[in-house]
Amino acid sequence: MAWNAEDLSRIIEMAWEDRTPFEAIEQQFGLNQTQLVRLMRRELHASSFRLWRARTAGRVTKHAALRHPDITRAYAPGQYKPR
């Protein structure tokens, strides 16, 4: 799927965020984890991709099913303020 530059930037930003689960990206953009990994591999420099994969591998906060049940949001309440 082709993304405009703004959506692509937002997807990559969400993927890098520690507390944004893969499921939130799938819900908002329709990319499952496998598709997201492919997109990140394609869009990032090889070294950046390796850093991202190492950062997300096994991280509890990147998987909604592993998160504490009291956490139902994908981002901090003050994270996105109106411009």
PDB file of N, CA and C in Angstrom:
ATOM      1  N   MET A   1       0.834  -1.179   0.000  1.00  0.00           N
ATOM      2  CA  MET A   1       0.000   0.000   0.000  1.00  0.00           C
ATOM      3  C   MET A   1       0.880   1.244   0.000  1.00  0.00           C
ATOM      4  N   ALA A   2       0.484   2.243  -0.735  1.00  0.00           N
ATOM      5  CA  ALA A   2       1.246   3.488  -0.811  1.00  0.00           C
ATOM      6  C   ALA A   2       0.740   4.463   0.245  1.00  0.00           C
ATOM      7  N   TRP A   3       1.657   5.019   0.997  1.00  0.00           N
ATOM      8  CA  TRP A   3       1.313   5.978   2.046  1.00  0.00           C
ATOM      9  C   TRP A   3       1.787   7.350   1.629  1.00  0.00           C
ATOM     10  N   ASN A   4       1.036   8.381   2.006  1.00  0.00           N
ATOM     11  CA  ASN A   4       1.556   9.721   1.768  1.00  0.00           C
ATOM     12  C   ASN A   4       2.660   9.981   2.793  1.00  0.00           C
ATOM     13  N   ALA A   5       3.430  11.014   2.574  1.00  0.00           N
ATOM     14  CA  ALA A   5       4.605  11.279   3.419  1.00  0.00           C
ATOM     15  C   ALA A   5       4.215  11.496   4.877  1.00  0.00           C
ATOM     16  N   GLU A   6       3.098  12.160   5.119  1.00  0.00           N
ATOM     17  CA  GLU A   6       2.656  12.425   6.490  1.00  0.00           C
ATOM     18  C   GLU A   6       2.289  11.133   7.217  1.00  0.00           C
ATOM     19  N   ASP A   7       1.525  10.243   6.548  1.00  0.00           N
ATOM     20  CA  ASP A   7       1.148   8.968   7.154  1.00  0.00           C
ATOM     21  C   ASP A   7       2.375   8.095   7.394  1.00  0.00           C
ATOM     22  N   LEU A   8       3.263   8.044   6.424  1.00  0.00           N
ATOM     23  CA  LEU A   8       4.472   7.244   6.554  1.00  0.00           C
ATOM     24  C   LEU A   8       5.308   7.725   7.734  1.00  0.00           C
ATOM     25  N   SER A   9       5.447   9.024   7.871  1.00  0.00           N
ATOM     26  CA  SER A   9       6.183   9.591   8.998  1.00  0.00           C
ATOM     27  C   SER A   9       5.520   9.221  10.314  1.00  0.00           C
ATOM     28  N   ARG A  10       4.195   9.280  10.366  1.00  0.00           N
ATOM     29  CA  ARG A  10       3.466   8.952  11.595  1.00  0.00           C
ATOM     30  C   ARG A  10       3.597   7.479  11.934  1.00  0.00           C
ATOM     31  N   ILE A  11       3.533   6.600  10.939  1.00  0.00           N
ATOM     32  CA  ILE A  11       3.694   5.164  11.177  1.00  0.00           C
ATOM     33  C   ILE A  11       5.068   4.881  11.785  1.00  0.00           C
ATOM     34  N   ILE A  12       6.100   5.462  11.204  1.00  0.00           N
ATOM     35  CA  ILE A  12       7.467   5.248  11.694  1.00  0.00           C
ATOM     36  C   ILE A  12       7.611   5.814  13.105  1.00  0.00           C
ATOM     37  N   GLU A  13       7.043   6.973  13.340  1.00  0.00           N
ATOM     38  CA  GLU A  13       7.094   7.570  14.679  1.00  0.00           C
ATOM     39  C   GLU A  13       6.422   6.659  15.702  1.00  0.00           C
ATOM     40  N   MET A  14       5.241   6.155  15.367  1.00  0.00           N
ATOM     41  CA  MET A  14       4.523   5.262  16.285  1.00  0.00           C
ATOM     42  C   MET A  14       5.306   3.977  16.529  1.00  0.00           C
ATOM     43  N   ALA A  15       5.948   3.459  15.480  1.00  0.00           N
ATOM     44  CA  ALA A  15       6.723   2.227  15.621  1.00  0.00           C
ATOM     45  C   ALA A  15       7.904   2.427  16.563  1.00  0.00           C
ATOM     46  N   TRP A  16       8.511   3.610  16.554  1.00  0.00           N
ATOM     47  CA  TRP A  16       9.649   3.894  17.424  1.00  0.00           C
ATOM     48  C   TRP A  16       9.235   4.148  18.867  1.00  0.00           C
ATOM     49  N   GLU A  17       8.004   4.603  19.073  1.00  0.00           N
ATOM     50  CA  GLU A  17       7.553   4.916  20.430  1.00  0.00           C
ATOM     51  C   GLU A  17       7.479   3.642  21.265  1.00  0.00           C
ATOM     52  N   ASP A  18       8.049   3.674  22.444  1.00  0.00           N
ATOM     53  CA  ASP A  18       8.090   2.495  23.307  1.00  0.00           C
ATOM     54  C   ASP A  18       6.708   2.043  23.748  1.00  0.00           C
ATOM     55  N   ARG A  19       5.822   2.962  23.993  1.00  0.00           N
ATOM     56  CA  ARG A  19       4.532   2.607  24.583  1.00  0.00           C
ATOM     57  C   ARG A  19       3.393   2.495  23.581  1.00  0.00           C
ATOM     58  N   THR A  20       3.674   2.591  22.313  1.00  0.00           N
ATOM     59  CA  THR A  20       2.633   2.417  21.307  1.00  0.00           C
ATOM     60  C   THR A  20       2.664   0.967  20.833  1.00  0.00           C
ATOM     61  N   PRO A  21       1.631   0.199  21.142  1.00  0.00           N
ATOM     62  CA  PRO A  21       1.638  -1.216  20.744  1.00  0.00           C
ATOM     63  C   PRO A  21       1.437  -1.380  19.238  1.00  0.00           C
ATOM     64  N   PHE A  22       1.920  -2.495  18.739  1.00  0.00           N
ATOM     65  CA  PHE A  22       1.749  -2.803  17.316  1.00  0.00           C
ATOM     66  C   PHE A  22       0.270  -2.804  16.935  1.00  0.00           C
ATOM     67  N   GLU A  23      -0.574  -3.218  17.857  1.00  0.00           N
ATOM     68  CA  GLU A  23      -2.007  -3.286  17.591  1.00  0.00           C
ATOM     69  C   GLU A  23      -2.605  -1.907  17.325  1.00  0.00           C
ATOM     70  N   ALA A  24      -2.073  -0.864  17.952  1.00  0.00           N
ATOM     71  CA  ALA A  24      -2.552   0.500  17.717  1.00  0.00           C
ATOM     72  C   ALA A  24      -2.219   0.939  16.292  1.00  0.00           C
ATOM     73  N   ILE A  25      -1.049   0.547  15.814  1.00  0.00           N
ATOM     74  CA  ILE A  25      -0.652   0.870  14.444  1.00  0.00           C
ATOM     75  C   ILE A  25      -1.539   0.109  13.464  1.00  0.00           C
ATOM     76  N   GLU A  26      -1.815  -1.150  13.799  1.00  0.00           N
ATOM     77  CA  GLU A  26      -2.688  -1.942  12.928  1.00  0.00           C
ATOM     78  C   GLU A  26      -4.094  -1.353  12.893  1.00  0.00           C
ATOM     79  N   GLN A  27      -4.595  -0.935  14.028  1.00  0.00           N
ATOM     80  CA  GLN A  27      -5.938  -0.370  14.089  1.00  0.00           C
ATOM     81  C   GLN A  27      -6.022   0.932  13.295  1.00  0.00           C
ATOM     82  N   GLN A  28      -5.012   1.771  13.409  1.00  0.00           N
ATOM     83  CA  GLN A  28      -5.047   3.083  12.768  1.00  0.00           C
ATOM     84  C   GLN A  28      -4.680   3.028  11.290  1.00  0.00           C
ATOM     85  N   PHE A  29      -3.727   2.166  10.922  1.00  0.00           N
ATOM     86  CA  PHE A  29      -3.218   2.174   9.547  1.00  0.00           C
ATOM     87  C   PHE A  29      -3.411   0.855   8.801  1.00  0.00           C
ATOM     88  N   GLY A  30      -3.890  -0.183   9.485  1.00  0.00           N
ATOM     89  CA  GLY A  30      -4.138  -1.459   8.826  1.00  0.00           C
ATOM     90  C   GLY A  30      -2.900  -2.302   8.571  1.00  0.00           C
ATOM     91  N   LEU A  31      -1.793  -1.973   9.228  1.00  0.00           N
ATOM     92  CA  LEU A  31      -0.548  -2.738   9.061  1.00  0.00           C
ATOM     93  C   LEU A  31      -0.378  -3.689  10.235  1.00  0.00           C
ATOM     94  N   ASN A  32      -0.301  -4.998   9.967  1.00  0.00           N
ATOM     95  CA  ASN A  32      -0.016  -5.915  11.071  1.00  0.00           C
ATOM     96  C   ASN A  32       1.485  -5.868  11.357  1.00  0.00           C
ATOM     97  N   GLN A  33       1.928  -6.586  12.362  1.00  0.00           N
ATOM     98  CA  GLN A  33       3.333  -6.508  12.777  1.00  0.00           C
ATOM     99  C   GLN A  33       4.290  -6.919  11.660  1.00  0.00           C
ATOM    100  N   THR A  34       3.957  -7.963  10.937  1.00  0.00           N
ATOM    101  CA  THR A  34       4.826  -8.419   9.837  1.00  0.00           C
ATOM    102  C   THR A  34       4.933  -7.354   8.753  1.00  0.00           C
ATOM    103  N   GLN A  35       3.821  -6.748   8.397  1.00  0.00           N
ATOM    104  CA  GLN A  35       3.834  -5.695   7.379  1.00  0.00           C
ATOM    105  C   GLN A  35       4.606  -4.474   7.871  1.00  0.00           C
ATOM    106  N   LEU A  36       4.466  -4.167   9.156  1.00  0.00           N
ATOM    107  CA  LEU A  36       5.191  -3.035   9.725  1.00  0.00           C
ATOM    108  C   LEU A  36       6.697  -3.275   9.689  1.00  0.00           C
ATOM    109  N   VAL A  37       7.117  -4.481  10.015  1.00  0.00           N
ATOM    110  CA  VAL A  37       8.548  -4.810   9.965  1.00  0.00           C
ATOM    111  C   VAL A  37       9.067  -4.630   8.540  1.00  0.00           C
ATOM    112  N   ARG A  38       8.304  -5.087   7.556  1.00  0.00           N
ATOM    113  CA  ARG A  38       8.717  -4.912   6.149  1.00  0.00           C
ATOM    114  C   ARG A  38       8.826  -3.438   5.784  1.00  0.00           C
ATOM    115  N   LEU A  39       7.843  -2.647   6.217  1.00  0.00           N
ATOM    116  CA  LEU A  39       7.855  -1.213   5.929  1.00  0.00           C
ATOM    117  C   LEU A  39       9.073  -0.554   6.578  1.00  0.00           C
ATOM    118  N   MET A  40       9.328  -0.889   7.825  1.00  0.00           N
ATOM    119  CA  MET A  40      10.465  -0.303   8.535  1.00  0.00           C
ATOM    120  C   MET A  40      11.784  -0.713   7.870  1.00  0.00           C
ATOM    121  N   ARG A  41      11.886  -1.955   7.456  1.00  0.00           N
ATOM    122  CA  ARG A  41      13.099  -2.416   6.774  1.00  0.00           C
ATOM    123  C   ARG A  41      13.327  -1.619   5.486  1.00  0.00           C
ATOM    124  N   ARG A  42      12.241  -1.342   4.776  1.00  0.00           N
ATOM    125  CA  ARG A  42      12.318  -0.613   3.507  1.00  0.00           C
ATOM    126  C   ARG A  42      12.626   0.870   3.709  1.00  0.00           C
ATOM    127  N   GLU A  43      12.064   1.476   4.752  1.00  0.00           N
ATOM    128  CA  GLU A  43      12.148   2.929   4.920  1.00  0.00           C
ATOM    129  C   GLU A  43      13.332   3.414   5.752  1.00  0.00           C
ATOM    130  N   LEU A  44      13.859   2.562   6.621  1.00  0.00           N
ATOM    131  CA  LEU A  44      14.970   2.979   7.474  1.00  0.00           C
ATOM    132  C   LEU A  44      16.307   2.553   6.890  1.00  0.00           C
ATOM    133  N   HIS A  45      17.352   3.244   7.307  1.00  0.00           N
ATOM    134  CA  HIS A  45      18.703   2.780   6.987  1.00  0.00           C
ATOM    135  C   HIS A  45      18.899   1.444   7.698  1.00  0.00           C
ATOM    136  N   ALA A  46      19.754   0.600   7.175  1.00  0.00           N
ATOM    137  CA  ALA A  46      19.961  -0.740   7.736  1.00  0.00           C
ATOM    138  C   ALA A  46      20.320  -0.682   9.219  1.00  0.00           C
ATOM    139  N   SER A  47      21.208   0.229   9.599  1.00  0.00           N
ATOM    140  CA  SER A  47      21.609   0.316  11.010  1.00  0.00           C
ATOM    141  C   SER A  47      20.443   0.779  11.888  1.00  0.00           C
ATOM    142  N   SER A  48      19.635   1.692  11.391  1.00  0.00           N
ATOM    143  CA  SER A  48      18.467   2.160  12.148  1.00  0.00           C
ATOM    144  C   SER A  48      17.447   1.046  12.297  1.00  0.00           C
ATOM    145  N   PHE A  49      17.280   0.262  11.244  1.00  0.00           N
ATOM    146  CA  PHE A  49      16.347  -0.859  11.321  1.00  0.00           C
ATOM    147  C   PHE A  49      16.806  -1.863  12.379  1.00  0.00           C
ATOM    148  N   ARG A  50      18.096  -2.181  12.391  1.00  0.00           N
ATOM    149  CA  ARG A  50      18.616  -3.121  13.392  1.00  0.00           C
ATOM    150  C   ARG A  50      18.414  -2.587  14.805  1.00  0.00           C
ATOM    151  N   LEU A  51      18.641  -1.294  15.017  1.00  0.00           N
ATOM    152  CA  LEU A  51      18.412  -0.686  16.329  1.00  0.00           C
ATOM    153  C   LEU A  51      16.939  -0.774  16.718  1.00  0.00           C
ATOM    154  N   TRP A  52      16.048  -0.497  15.772  1.00  0.00           N
ATOM    155  CA  TRP A  52      14.612  -0.559  16.047  1.00  0.00           C
ATOM    156  C   TRP A  52      14.188  -1.976  16.407  1.00  0.00           C
ATOM    157  N   ARG A  53      14.653  -2.957  15.648  1.00  0.00           N
ATOM    158  CA  ARG A  53      14.285  -4.349  15.931  1.00  0.00           C
ATOM    159  C   ARG A  53      14.805  -4.785  17.294  1.00  0.00           C
ATOM    160  N   ALA A  54      16.019  -4.405  17.623  1.00  0.00           N
ATOM    161  CA  ALA A  54      16.568  -4.755  18.939  1.00  0.00           C
ATOM    162  C   ALA A  54      15.760  -4.082  20.046  1.00  0.00           C
ATOM    163  N   ARG A  55      15.328  -2.869  19.794  1.00  0.00           N
ATOM    164  CA  ARG A  55      14.559  -2.114  20.788  1.00  0.00           C
ATOM    165  C   ARG A  55      13.171  -2.706  21.003  1.00  0.00           C
ATOM    166  N   THR A  56      12.532  -3.198  19.951  1.00  0.00           N
ATOM    167  CA  THR A  56      11.150  -3.685  20.059  1.00  0.00           C
ATOM    168  C   THR A  56      11.062  -5.172  20.379  1.00  0.00           C
ATOM    169  N   ALA A  57      12.122  -5.916  20.165  1.00  0.00           N
ATOM    170  CA  ALA A  57      12.082  -7.362  20.400  1.00  0.00           C
ATOM    171  C   ALA A  57      11.834  -7.664  21.871  1.00  0.00           C
ATOM    172  N   GLY A  58      10.746  -8.335  22.144  1.00  0.00           N
ATOM    173  CA  GLY A  58      10.434  -8.748  23.495  1.00  0.00           C
ATOM    174  C   GLY A  58       9.947  -7.646  24.419  1.00  0.00           C
ATOM    175  N   ARG A  59       9.715  -6.464  23.888  1.00  0.00           N
ATOM    176  CA  ARG A  59       9.261  -5.341  24.713  1.00  0.00           C
ATOM    177  C   ARG A  59       7.777  -5.506  25.014  1.00  0.00           C
ATOM    178  N   VAL A  60       7.444  -5.623  26.273  1.00  0.00           N
ATOM    179  CA  VAL A  60       6.067  -5.862  26.702  1.00  0.00           C
ATOM    180  C   VAL A  60       5.130  -4.760  26.220  1.00  0.00           C
ATOM    181  N   THR A  61       5.579  -3.520  26.239  1.00  0.00           N
ATOM    182  CA  THR A  61       4.698  -2.406  25.895  1.00  0.00           C
ATOM    183  C   THR A  61       4.346  -2.357  24.417  1.00  0.00           C
ATOM    184  N   LYS A  62       5.053  -3.085  23.574  1.00  0.00           N
ATOM    185  CA  LYS A  62       4.756  -3.078  22.138  1.00  0.00           C
ATOM    186  C   LYS A  62       3.689  -4.105  21.766  1.00  0.00           C
ATOM    187  N   HIS A  63       3.224  -4.884  22.718  1.00  0.00           N
ATOM    188  CA  HIS A  63       2.212  -5.902  22.455  1.00  0.00           C
ATOM    189  C   HIS A  63       1.057  -5.708  23.427  1.00  0.00           C
ATOM    190  N   ALA A  64      -0.110  -5.352  22.910  1.00  0.00           N
ATOM    191  CA  ALA A  64      -1.267  -5.059  23.760  1.00  0.00           C
ATOM    192  C   ALA A  64      -1.614  -6.235  24.667  1.00  0.00           C
ATOM    193  N   ALA A  65      -1.471  -7.445  24.185  1.00  0.00           N
ATOM    194  CA  ALA A  65      -1.833  -8.622  24.981  1.00  0.00           C
ATOM    195  C   ALA A  65      -0.920  -8.794  26.199  1.00  0.00           C
ATOM    196  N   LEU A  66       0.273  -8.238  26.160  1.00  0.00           N
ATOM    197  CA  LEU A  66       1.220  -8.377  27.266  1.00  0.00           C
ATOM    198  C   LEU A  66       1.176  -7.200  28.236  1.00  0.00           C
ATOM    199  N   ARG A  67       0.436  -6.160  27.867  1.00  0.00           N
ATOM    200  CA  ARG A  67       0.361  -4.971  28.706  1.00  0.00           C
ATOM    201  C   ARG A  67      -0.544  -5.192  29.905  1.00  0.00           C
ATOM    202  N   HIS A  68      -0.366  -4.370  30.905  1.00  0.00           N
ATOM    203  CA  HIS A  68      -1.235  -4.408  32.076  1.00  0.00           C
ATOM    204  C   HIS A  68      -2.658  -4.080  31.618  1.00  0.00           C
ATOM    205  N   PRO A  69      -3.657  -4.793  32.104  1.00  0.00           N
ATOM    206  CA  PRO A  69      -5.033  -4.590  31.625  1.00  0.00           C
ATOM    207  C   PRO A  69      -5.600  -3.198  31.907  1.00  0.00           C
ATOM    208  N   ASP A  70      -5.032  -2.466  32.848  1.00  0.00           N
ATOM    209  CA  ASP A  70      -5.509  -1.114  33.136  1.00  0.00           C
ATOM    210  C   ASP A  70      -5.087  -0.098  32.074  1.00  0.00           C
ATOM    211  N   ILE A  71      -4.130  -0.462  31.227  1.00  0.00           N
ATOM    212  CA  ILE A  71      -3.652   0.450  30.185  1.00  0.00           C
ATOM    213  C   ILE A  71      -4.436   0.158  28.912  1.00  0.00           C
ATOM    214  N   THR A  72      -5.322   1.085  28.556  1.00  0.00           N
ATOM    215  CA  THR A  72      -6.165   0.879  27.375  1.00  0.00           C
ATOM    216  C   THR A  72      -5.852   1.867  26.269  1.00  0.00           C
ATOM    217  N   ARG A  73      -4.942   2.790  26.495  1.00  0.00           N
ATOM    218  CA  ARG A  73      -4.620   3.787  25.483  1.00  0.00           C
ATOM    219  C   ARG A  73      -3.294   3.440  24.817  1.00  0.00           C
ATOM    220  N   ALA A  74      -3.051   4.039  23.666  1.00  0.00           N
ATOM    221  CA  ALA A  74      -1.825   3.775  22.932  1.00  0.00           C
ATOM    222  C   ALA A  74      -0.762   4.829  23.171  1.00  0.00           C
ATOM    223  N   TYR A  75      -1.134   5.936  23.803  1.00  0.00           N
ATOM    224  CA  TYR A  75      -0.158   6.998  24.024  1.00  0.00           C
ATOM    225  C   TYR A  75      -0.527   7.770  25.282  1.00  0.00           C
ATOM    226  N   ALA A  76       0.412   8.560  25.773  1.00  0.00           N
ATOM    227  CA  ALA A  76       0.192   9.338  26.986  1.00  0.00           C
ATOM    228  C   ALA A  76      -0.839  10.436  26.725  1.00  0.00           C
ATOM    229  N   PRO A  77      -1.677  10.759  27.717  1.00  0.00           N
ATOM    230  CA  PRO A  77      -2.731  11.758  27.517  1.00  0.00           C
ATOM    231  C   PRO A  77      -2.230  13.113  27.012  1.00  0.00           C
ATOM    232  N   GLY A  78      -1.082  13.559  27.435  1.00  0.00           N
ATOM    233  CA  GLY A  78      -0.567  14.853  27.005  1.00  0.00           C
ATOM    234  C   GLY A  78       0.334  14.804  25.789  1.00  0.00           C
ATOM    235  N   GLN A  79       0.462  13.645  25.178  1.00  0.00           N
ATOM    236  CA  GLN A  79       1.422  13.473  24.092  1.00  0.00           C
ATOM    237  C   GLN A  79       1.053  14.236  22.834  1.00  0.00           C
ATOM    238  N   TYR A  80      -0.218  14.274  22.484  1.00  0.00           N
ATOM    239  CA  TYR A  80      -0.645  14.940  21.240  1.00  0.00           C
ATOM    240  C   TYR A  80      -1.516  16.126  21.586  1.00  0.00           C
ATOM    241  N   LYS A  81      -0.903  17.295  21.593  1.00  0.00           N
ATOM    242  CA  LYS A  81      -1.624  18.518  21.924  1.00  0.00           C
ATOM    243  C   LYS A  81      -2.020  19.231  20.628  1.00  0.00           C
ATOM    244  N   PRO A  82      -3.137  19.914  20.631  1.00  0.00           N
ATOM    245  CA  PRO A  82      -3.553  20.646  19.420  1.00  0.00           C
ATOM    246  C   PRO A  82      -2.499  21.630  18.986  1.00  0.00           C
ATOM    247  N   ARG A  83      -2.356  21.777  17.709  1.00  0.00           N
ATOM    248  CA  ARG A  83      -1.348  22.703  17.165  1.00  0.00           C
ATOM    249  C   ARG A  83      -1.926  24.064  16.974  1.00  0.00           C
TER     250      ARG A  83
END
